[in-house]
Amino acid sequence: MIKDPGLQWPSPFPYDVLAPAGVTPDTTHEEMQDVSFALMEHGLMGTETQTAWHELRSVEQRLLIDLVLFDADPAAEIPALLAALAEEPADAQEPPQVRECLTLRRADFDGLADELRPLEAQAPAIPAVAELERVEPPALLDEFLTFDS
């Protein structure tokens, strides 16, 4: 599993701190309870490692930490992806059937103009609205607006 590269954890990431003691996301909860002994045996039980150990001992906190990990094995997946890329054609184009459907032919448009009926455009009649025939600016605006003469 790999950690999200954009992750900003408030303290050193617990799995990174406990990696020298062999702690990974695959470490069981039962094994995690006994990690303190391995840390003390290797002289690694400091404040930072103790904090990381406490974070991973809590089921709720460990689930939160595991949430930002991706189940990926780049070493195993990259060769398979490279092999798949090698099998793909270098110039991936549409299948011939798609290209044929998307091609416009002059014959498709011949006679199209004959099918259209003539259309006369007329301007629509818009009735006059008596209230809008003469618009006077409100007197209030006259007080705020002045023009240089």
C-alpha atoms as a PDB file:
ATOM      1  CA  MET A   1       0.000   0.000   0.000  1.00  0.00           C
ATOM      2  CA  ILE A   2       1.164   3.499  -0.718  1.00  0.00           C
ATOM      3  CA  LYS A   3       0.396   6.773   0.999  1.00  0.00           C
ATOM      4  CA  ASP A   4      -1.359   9.616  -0.806  1.00  0.00           C
ATOM      5  CA  PRO A   5       1.552  11.858  -1.892  1.00  0.00           C
ATOM      6  CA  GLY A   6      -0.457  15.016  -1.175  1.00  0.00           C
ATOM      7  CA  LEU A   7      -1.260  13.957   2.378  1.00  0.00           C
ATOM      8  CA  GLN A   8      -0.490  16.443   5.139  1.00  0.00           C
ATOM      9  CA  TRP A   9      -0.667  14.510   8.393  1.00  0.00           C
ATOM     10  CA  PRO A  10      -0.498  16.644  11.580  1.00  0.00           C
ATOM     11  CA  SER A  11       2.448  14.623  12.910  1.00  0.00           C
ATOM     12  CA  PRO A  12       4.930  12.237  11.309  1.00  0.00           C
ATOM     13  CA  PHE A  13       2.916   9.540   9.521  1.00  0.00           C
ATOM     14  CA  PRO A  14       2.531   6.590  11.929  1.00  0.00           C
ATOM     15  CA  TYR A  15       3.416   3.831   9.443  1.00  0.00           C
ATOM     16  CA  ASP A  16       6.551   5.735   8.404  1.00  0.00           C
ATOM     17  CA  VAL A  17       7.633   6.128  12.037  1.00  0.00           C
ATOM     18  CA  LEU A  18       7.008   2.467  12.895  1.00  0.00           C
ATOM     19  CA  ALA A  19       8.420   0.999   9.664  1.00  0.00           C
ATOM     20  CA  PRO A  20      11.800   0.161  11.330  1.00  0.00           C
ATOM     21  CA  ALA A  21       9.878  -2.112  13.709  1.00  0.00           C
ATOM     22  CA  GLY A  22       8.255  -3.910  10.762  1.00  0.00           C
ATOM     23  CA  VAL A  23       4.836  -2.261  11.104  1.00  0.00           C
ATOM     24  CA  THR A  24       2.866  -2.116   7.845  1.00  0.00           C
ATOM     25  CA  PRO A  25      -0.839  -1.763   7.009  1.00  0.00           C
ATOM     26  CA  ASP A  26      -0.882  -5.574   6.914  1.00  0.00           C
ATOM     27  CA  THR A  27       0.073  -5.769  10.606  1.00  0.00           C
ATOM     28  CA  THR A  28      -2.862  -7.235  12.520  1.00  0.00           C
ATOM     29  CA  HIS A  29      -4.490  -5.451  15.423  1.00  0.00           C
ATOM     30  CA  GLU A  30      -3.222  -8.136  17.801  1.00  0.00           C
ATOM     31  CA  GLU A  31       0.356  -7.740  16.511  1.00  0.00           C
ATOM     32  CA  MET A  32       0.039  -3.959  16.859  1.00  0.00           C
ATOM     33  CA  GLN A  33      -0.648  -4.312  20.580  1.00  0.00           C
ATOM     34  CA  ASP A  34       2.762  -6.001  21.045  1.00  0.00           C
ATOM     35  CA  VAL A  35       4.794  -3.649  18.810  1.00  0.00           C
ATOM     36  CA  SER A  36       5.947  -1.692  21.857  1.00  0.00           C
ATOM     37  CA  PHE A  37       8.117  -4.631  22.878  1.00  0.00           C
ATOM     38  CA  ALA A  38       9.864  -4.681  19.481  1.00  0.00           C
ATOM     39  CA  LEU A  39      10.317  -0.903  19.669  1.00  0.00           C
ATOM     40  CA  MET A  40      11.905  -1.122  23.127  1.00  0.00           C
ATOM     41  CA  GLU A  41      14.062  -4.070  22.050  1.00  0.00           C
ATOM     42  CA  HIS A  42      15.531  -2.006  19.195  1.00  0.00           C
ATOM     43  CA  GLY A  43      15.810   1.138  21.344  1.00  0.00           C
ATOM     44  CA  LEU A  44      13.227   2.971  19.241  1.00  0.00           C
ATOM     45  CA  MET A  45      10.619   3.787  21.882  1.00  0.00           C
ATOM     46  CA  GLY A  46      10.743   7.575  21.901  1.00  0.00           C
ATOM     47  CA  THR A  47       7.988  10.170  22.085  1.00  0.00           C
ATOM     48  CA  GLU A  48       7.401  10.143  18.334  1.00  0.00           C
ATOM     49  CA  THR A  49       7.237   6.351  18.057  1.00  0.00           C
ATOM     50  CA  GLN A  50       5.052   6.070  21.155  1.00  0.00           C
ATOM     51  CA  THR A  51       2.580   8.582  19.674  1.00  0.00           C
ATOM     52  CA  ALA A  52       2.533   6.679  16.362  1.00  0.00           C
ATOM     53  CA  TRP A  53       2.029   3.385  18.197  1.00  0.00           C
ATOM     54  CA  HIS A  54      -0.900   4.826  20.184  1.00  0.00           C
ATOM     55  CA  GLU A  55      -2.471   6.154  16.982  1.00  0.00           C
ATOM     56  CA  LEU A  56      -2.295   2.739  15.327  1.00  0.00           C
ATOM     57  CA  ARG A  57      -3.496   0.840  18.402  1.00  0.00           C
ATOM     58  CA  SER A  58      -6.842   2.655  18.329  1.00  0.00           C
ATOM     59  CA  VAL A  59      -9.183   0.939  15.840  1.00  0.00           C
ATOM     60  CA  GLU A  60     -10.952   4.191  14.934  1.00  0.00           C
ATOM     61  CA  GLN A  61      -7.690   6.087  14.433  1.00  0.00           C
ATOM     62  CA  ARG A  62      -6.136   3.233  12.458  1.00  0.00           C
ATOM     63  CA  LEU A  63      -9.148   3.106  10.132  1.00  0.00           C
ATOM     64  CA  LEU A  64      -8.735   6.830   9.521  1.00  0.00           C
ATOM     65  CA  ILE A  65      -5.025   6.379   8.802  1.00  0.00           C
ATOM     66  CA  ASP A  66      -5.684   3.404   6.493  1.00  0.00           C
ATOM     67  CA  LEU A  67      -8.246   5.491   4.613  1.00  0.00           C
ATOM     68  CA  VAL A  68      -5.488   7.605   3.041  1.00  0.00           C
ATOM     69  CA  LEU A  69      -3.561   4.577   1.777  1.00  0.00           C
ATOM     70  CA  PHE A  70      -3.972   3.157  -1.717  1.00  0.00           C
ATOM     71  CA  ASP A  71      -3.930  -0.577  -2.274  1.00  0.00           C
ATOM     72  CA  ALA A  72      -1.397  -0.506  -5.073  1.00  0.00           C
ATOM     73  CA  ASP A  73       1.758  -2.411  -5.815  1.00  0.00           C
ATOM     74  CA  PRO A  74       3.597  -0.381  -8.458  1.00  0.00           C
ATOM     75  CA  ALA A  75       6.381  -2.969  -8.780  1.00  0.00           C
ATOM     76  CA  ALA A  76       3.843  -5.625  -9.800  1.00  0.00           C
ATOM     77  CA  GLU A  77       1.483  -3.387 -11.801  1.00  0.00           C
ATOM     78  CA  ILE A  78       3.945  -1.426 -13.961  1.00  0.00           C
ATOM     79  CA  PRO A  79       5.202  -4.435 -16.014  1.00  0.00           C
ATOM     80  CA  ALA A  80       1.609  -5.487 -16.753  1.00  0.00           C
ATOM     81  CA  LEU A  81       0.716  -1.938 -17.847  1.00  0.00           C
ATOM     82  CA  LEU A  82       3.805  -1.700 -20.059  1.00  0.00           C
ATOM     83  CA  ALA A  83       2.903  -5.032 -21.681  1.00  0.00           C
ATOM     84  CA  ALA A  84      -0.645  -3.805 -22.350  1.00  0.00           C
ATOM     85  CA  LEU A  85       0.732  -0.626 -23.930  1.00  0.00           C
ATOM     86  CA  ALA A  86       3.068  -2.636 -26.155  1.00  0.00           C
ATOM     87  CA  GLU A  87       0.105  -4.650 -27.475  1.00  0.00           C
ATOM     88  CA  GLU A  88      -1.886  -1.526 -28.419  1.00  0.00           C
ATOM     89  CA  PRO A  89      -1.369  -0.188 -31.928  1.00  0.00           C
ATOM     90  CA  ALA A  90       0.890   2.826 -32.076  1.00  0.00           C
ATOM     91  CA  ASP A  91      -1.697   4.816 -34.057  1.00  0.00           C
ATOM     92  CA  ALA A  92      -5.023   4.112 -32.380  1.00  0.00           C
ATOM     93  CA  GLN A  93      -7.715   5.347 -34.766  1.00  0.00           C
ATOM     94  CA  GLU A  94     -11.418   4.775 -35.050  1.00  0.00           C
ATOM     95  CA  PRO A  95     -12.539   1.490 -36.521  1.00  0.00           C
ATOM     96  CA  PRO A  96     -13.314   1.752 -40.283  1.00  0.00           C
ATOM     97  CA  GLN A  97     -17.071   1.513 -39.626  1.00  0.00           C
ATOM     98  CA  VAL A  98     -16.967   4.605 -37.387  1.00  0.00           C
ATOM     99  CA  ARG A  99     -14.856   6.539 -39.865  1.00  0.00           C
ATOM    100  CA  GLU A 100     -17.293   5.638 -42.665  1.00  0.00           C
ATOM    101  CA  CYS A 101     -20.284   6.862 -40.644  1.00  0.00           C
ATOM    102  CA  LEU A 102     -18.591  10.152 -39.824  1.00  0.00           C
ATOM    103  CA  THR A 103     -17.499  10.901 -43.387  1.00  0.00           C
ATOM    104  CA  LEU A 104     -19.656  13.486 -45.160  1.00  0.00           C
ATOM    105  CA  ARG A 105     -20.318  12.733 -48.827  1.00  0.00           C
ATOM    106  CA  ARG A 106     -21.486  15.253 -51.416  1.00  0.00           C
ATOM    107  CA  ALA A 107     -24.155  12.815 -52.603  1.00  0.00           C
ATOM    108  CA  ASP A 108     -25.769  12.971 -49.137  1.00  0.00           C
ATOM    109  CA  PHE A 109     -26.464  16.685 -49.691  1.00  0.00           C
ATOM    110  CA  ASP A 110     -27.472  16.659 -53.365  1.00  0.00           C
ATOM    111  CA  GLY A 111     -31.145  17.406 -53.704  1.00  0.00           C
ATOM    112  CA  LEU A 112     -31.446  18.594 -50.102  1.00  0.00           C
ATOM    113  CA  ALA A 113     -32.144  22.159 -51.248  1.00  0.00           C
ATOM    114  CA  ASP A 114     -35.000  20.896 -53.425  1.00  0.00           C
ATOM    115  CA  GLU A 115     -36.689  19.398 -50.356  1.00  0.00           C
ATOM    116  CA  LEU A 116     -36.808  22.753 -48.575  1.00  0.00           C
ATOM    117  CA  ARG A 117     -39.896  24.922 -49.088  1.00  0.00           C
ATOM    118  CA  PRO A 118     -39.498  28.678 -49.480  1.00  0.00           C
ATOM    119  CA  LEU A 119     -39.858  30.636 -46.283  1.00  0.00           C
ATOM    120  CA  GLU A 120     -40.824  34.271 -46.079  1.00  0.00           C
ATOM    121  CA  ALA A 121     -39.613  36.064 -42.990  1.00  0.00           C
ATOM    122  CA  GLN A 122     -41.937  38.650 -41.520  1.00  0.00           C
ATOM    123  CA  ALA A 123     -41.250  40.878 -38.570  1.00  0.00           C
ATOM    124  CA  PRO A 124     -43.638  40.132 -35.716  1.00  0.00           C
ATOM    125  CA  ALA A 125     -46.064  42.853 -34.695  1.00  0.00           C
ATOM    126  CA  ILE A 126     -45.328  44.094 -31.187  1.00  0.00           C
ATOM    127  CA  PRO A 127     -48.211  45.975 -29.582  1.00  0.00           C
ATOM    128  CA  ALA A 128     -47.416  49.289 -27.924  1.00  0.00           C
ATOM    129  CA  VAL A 129     -47.705  49.517 -24.137  1.00  0.00           C
ATOM    130  CA  ALA A 130     -49.253  52.813 -23.067  1.00  0.00           C
ATOM    131  CA  GLU A 131     -47.372  52.913 -19.751  1.00  0.00           C
ATOM    132  CA  LEU A 132     -44.022  52.737 -21.519  1.00  0.00           C
ATOM    133  CA  GLU A 133     -44.662  55.336 -24.200  1.00  0.00           C
ATOM    134  CA  ARG A 134     -43.246  58.107 -22.030  1.00  0.00           C
ATOM    135  CA  VAL A 135     -40.849  57.195 -19.255  1.00  0.00           C
ATOM    136  CA  GLU A 136     -39.980  59.951 -16.842  1.00  0.00           C
ATOM    137  CA  PRO A 137     -36.969  59.571 -14.574  1.00  0.00           C
ATOM    138  CA  PRO A 138     -37.880  59.492 -10.914  1.00  0.00           C
ATOM    139  CA  ALA A 139     -37.335  62.780  -9.087  1.00  0.00           C
ATOM    140  CA  LEU A 140     -35.098  60.994  -6.609  1.00  0.00           C
ATOM    141  CA  LEU A 141     -32.466  60.440  -9.275  1.00  0.00           C
ATOM    142  CA  ASP A 142     -32.418  64.137 -10.141  1.00  0.00           C
ATOM    143  CA  GLU A 143     -31.128  64.853  -6.642  1.00  0.00           C
ATOM    144  CA  PHE A 144     -28.180  62.447  -6.952  1.00  0.00           C
ATOM    145  CA  LEU A 145     -27.190  62.997 -10.560  1.00  0.00           C
ATOM    146  CA  THR A 146     -25.703  66.225 -11.793  1.00  0.00           C
ATOM    147  CA  PHE A 147     -24.233  66.910 -15.191  1.00  0.00           C
ATOM    148  CA  ASP A 148     -21.463  69.353 -16.004  1.00  0.00           C
ATOM    149  CA  SER A 149     -22.554  71.913 -18.505  1.00  0.00           C
END
